[in-house]
Amino acid sequence: MEKAEQQTLFKEVMGNYPTGVTIVTGVTDDGTPVGLTVNSFASVSLDPLMVLWSIDHGVSTIKAFTEGGKFAVHVLAGEQQELCKTFATKGVDRFSQCKWEMSENGLPIIDGAFGVFECETFKAIEAGDHTVLIGNVTNIRLDKEKDPMLYHRRCFGPIPAEFYTE
């Protein structure tokens, strides 16, 4: 099988793999908030609390994340589709289109997420055309009144009600 064909199949399988949707935020050297939509997010460890996500080497803000020493992962709520699109769009002022505040840890925290993990970077590992960032969780926020967003078949939105069983 040719490399291009393998890449096409890889994208098709991964696009059909249901995941949650996150926005990861951080700050540049001068304190400017940066963020992007990410679905490559996973838990790593309970002791200590650790999570990971990956960033494409072509992203313009990669240095803020790989050298910034900290980041916040926002597990989006089901109703945050527009925010998801905003933070996936290039060339827009993302933070002017949402309500957010700077946390005590110096991280931009977007309002309305299902959950937020504030992290200190533990390790950055180059892997192919991405860098995997592993973070020690320093603070957690949870809104129990919300449900998380689901990404499946290149679509995203709330988890369908029929998914839940008693």
Protein backbone atom coordinates (compact mmCIF):
# COMPACT_ATOMS: atom_id res chain seq x y z
CA MET A 1 0.00 0.00 0.00
CA GLU A 2 1.34 3.43 -0.93
CA LYS A 3 2.07 6.07 1.70
CA ALA A 4 -0.62 8.48 0.36
CA GLU A 5 -3.23 5.70 0.46
CA GLN A 6 -2.23 4.77 4.02
CA GLN A 7 -2.54 8.42 5.08
CA THR A 8 -6.00 8.68 3.51
CA LEU A 9 -7.17 5.52 5.29
CA PHE A 10 -5.59 6.71 8.55
CA LYS A 11 -7.53 10.00 8.35
CA GLU A 12 -10.75 8.14 7.55
CA VAL A 13 -10.42 5.76 10.50
CA MET A 14 -9.39 8.52 12.91
CA GLY A 15 -12.20 10.80 11.65
CA ASN A 16 -14.67 8.06 12.54
CA TYR A 17 -13.19 7.41 15.97
CA PRO A 18 -15.43 9.17 18.52
CA THR A 19 -13.52 11.56 20.78
CA GLY A 20 -14.15 14.54 22.95
CA VAL A 21 -13.27 18.04 21.77
CA THR A 22 -11.01 20.45 23.61
CA ILE A 23 -9.57 23.91 23.29
CA VAL A 24 -6.06 24.24 24.63
CA THR A 25 -4.93 27.70 25.75
CA GLY A 26 -1.65 29.22 26.80
CA VAL A 27 0.23 32.50 26.63
CA THR A 28 3.09 33.86 24.53
CA ASP A 29 6.27 35.31 26.04
CA ASP A 30 4.59 38.73 26.26
CA GLY A 31 1.44 37.33 27.94
CA THR A 32 -0.81 37.33 24.87
CA PRO A 33 -3.43 34.54 25.10
CA VAL A 34 -3.32 31.82 22.43
CA GLY A 35 -5.53 28.81 21.86
CA LEU A 36 -6.60 26.16 19.39
CA THR A 37 -9.17 23.39 18.99
CA VAL A 38 -7.71 19.95 19.73
CA ASN A 39 -9.16 16.45 19.76
CA SER A 40 -5.86 14.63 20.41
CA PHE A 41 -6.32 14.64 24.19
CA ALA A 42 -6.01 11.81 26.71
CA SER A 43 -5.46 11.07 30.37
CA VAL A 44 -2.03 9.69 31.26
CA SER A 45 -1.82 9.11 35.02
CA LEU A 46 -3.82 9.36 38.24
CA ASP A 47 -0.76 9.54 40.50
CA PRO A 48 0.40 12.13 39.73
CA LEU A 49 -2.51 13.58 37.75
CA MET A 50 -1.32 13.92 34.13
CA VAL A 51 -2.86 14.53 30.71
CA LEU A 52 -1.50 14.76 27.17
CA TRP A 53 -2.34 16.37 23.84
CA SER A 54 -0.50 16.91 20.58
CA ILE A 55 0.18 19.94 18.40
CA ASP A 56 1.11 20.07 14.71
CA HIS A 57 4.55 21.52 14.02
CA GLY A 58 2.97 23.88 11.47
CA VAL A 59 0.82 25.72 14.03
CA SER A 60 1.94 29.34 14.34
CA THR A 61 1.67 29.35 18.15
CA ILE A 62 3.59 26.12 18.74
CA LYS A 63 6.40 27.92 20.60
CA ALA A 64 3.95 29.32 23.17
CA PHE A 65 2.89 25.77 23.98
CA THR A 66 6.19 23.88 23.70
CA GLU A 67 8.24 26.52 25.54
CA GLY A 68 5.59 28.24 27.69
CA GLY A 69 5.79 25.79 30.57
CA LYS A 70 2.02 25.61 31.10
CA PHE A 71 -1.30 25.20 29.32
CA ALA A 72 -5.02 24.76 30.03
CA VAL A 73 -7.17 22.08 28.40
CA HIS A 74 -10.87 22.96 28.12
CA VAL A 75 -13.14 19.95 27.61
CA LEU A 76 -15.86 21.64 25.59
CA ALA A 77 -19.54 21.48 26.50
CA GLY A 78 -21.93 20.08 23.91
CA GLU A 79 -23.38 23.49 23.09
CA GLN A 80 -20.00 25.12 22.34
CA GLN A 81 -19.90 24.27 18.61
CA GLU A 82 -19.35 27.89 17.52
CA LEU A 83 -16.46 28.27 19.96
CA CYS A 84 -14.97 25.04 18.62
CA LYS A 85 -15.14 26.44 15.07
CA THR A 86 -13.70 29.80 16.15
CA PHE A 87 -10.63 28.24 17.74
CA ALA A 88 -10.14 26.00 14.68
CA THR A 89 -10.18 28.99 12.28
CA LYS A 90 -6.93 30.68 11.22
CA GLY A 91 -6.54 34.44 11.10
CA VAL A 92 -9.25 35.44 13.59
CA ASP A 93 -8.98 37.07 17.00
CA ARG A 94 -10.28 34.04 18.86
CA PHE A 95 -10.38 35.54 22.35
CA SER A 96 -12.40 38.57 21.25
CA GLN A 97 -15.22 36.17 20.35
CA CYS A 98 -15.64 34.53 23.74
CA LYS A 99 -15.83 35.29 27.43
CA TRP A 100 -12.62 34.42 29.25
CA GLU A 101 -10.45 35.42 32.20
CA MET A 102 -6.85 34.92 33.28
CA SER A 103 -6.51 32.33 36.05
CA GLU A 104 -4.36 32.67 39.17
CA ASN A 105 -1.88 30.43 37.32
CA GLY A 106 -1.61 32.92 34.46
CA LEU A 107 -3.61 30.88 31.96
CA PRO A 108 -6.53 32.06 29.81
CA ILE A 109 -9.67 30.21 30.95
CA ILE A 110 -12.64 30.20 28.58
CA ASP A 111 -16.09 30.43 30.14
CA GLY A 112 -18.67 27.68 29.72
CA ALA A 113 -16.54 24.55 29.30
CA PHE A 114 -17.63 21.20 30.73
CA GLY A 115 -14.24 20.89 32.43
CA VAL A 116 -10.83 22.58 32.53
CA PHE A 117 -7.42 21.16 33.42
CA GLU A 118 -4.72 23.71 34.20
CA CYS A 119 -1.32 22.10 33.71
CA GLU A 120 2.40 22.62 34.09
CA THR A 121 4.32 21.05 31.23
CA PHE A 122 6.03 17.83 32.31
CA LYS A 123 7.50 16.83 28.97
CA ALA A 124 7.33 17.69 25.26
CA ILE A 125 8.08 14.78 22.93
CA GLU A 126 8.54 15.21 19.18
CA ALA A 127 6.65 12.50 17.30
CA GLY A 128 6.48 12.72 13.52
CA ASP A 129 4.91 16.01 12.43
CA HIS A 130 3.54 16.73 15.93
CA THR A 131 4.82 17.36 19.44
CA VAL A 132 3.11 15.51 22.29
CA LEU A 133 2.77 17.65 25.40
CA ILE A 134 2.35 15.92 28.74
CA GLY A 135 1.21 18.07 31.63
CA ASN A 136 0.95 17.75 35.40
CA VAL A 137 -2.56 18.86 36.36
CA THR A 138 -2.42 21.70 38.90
CA ASN A 139 -6.08 22.74 38.97
CA ILE A 140 -9.39 21.22 37.78
CA ARG A 141 -12.76 22.87 37.14
CA LEU A 142 -15.97 20.95 36.40
CA ASP A 143 -19.48 22.13 35.51
CA LYS A 144 -21.71 19.17 36.46
CA GLU A 145 -24.69 20.89 34.81
CA LYS A 146 -23.15 20.40 31.34
CA ASP A 147 -22.35 17.45 29.10
CA PRO A 148 -19.16 17.23 27.02
CA MET A 149 -18.94 17.63 23.24
CA LEU A 150 -18.44 14.63 20.97
CA TYR A 151 -16.48 14.50 17.68
CA HIS A 152 -17.43 11.70 15.28
CA ARG A 153 -17.36 11.32 11.48
CA ARG A 154 -15.90 14.82 11.13
CA CYS A 155 -18.91 16.32 12.94
CA PHE A 156 -19.16 17.62 16.48
CA GLY A 157 -21.92 18.43 18.93
CA PRO A 158 -23.62 17.27 22.11
CA ILE A 159 -23.77 13.58 22.94
CA PRO A 160 -27.13 12.29 21.64
CA ALA A 161 -29.69 11.64 24.39
CA GLU A 162 -30.26 8.06 23.17
CA PHE A 163 -26.63 7.33 24.03
CA TYR A 164 -27.43 7.51 27.74
CA THR A 165 -29.00 4.47 29.33
CA GLU A 166 -30.28 4.13 32.85
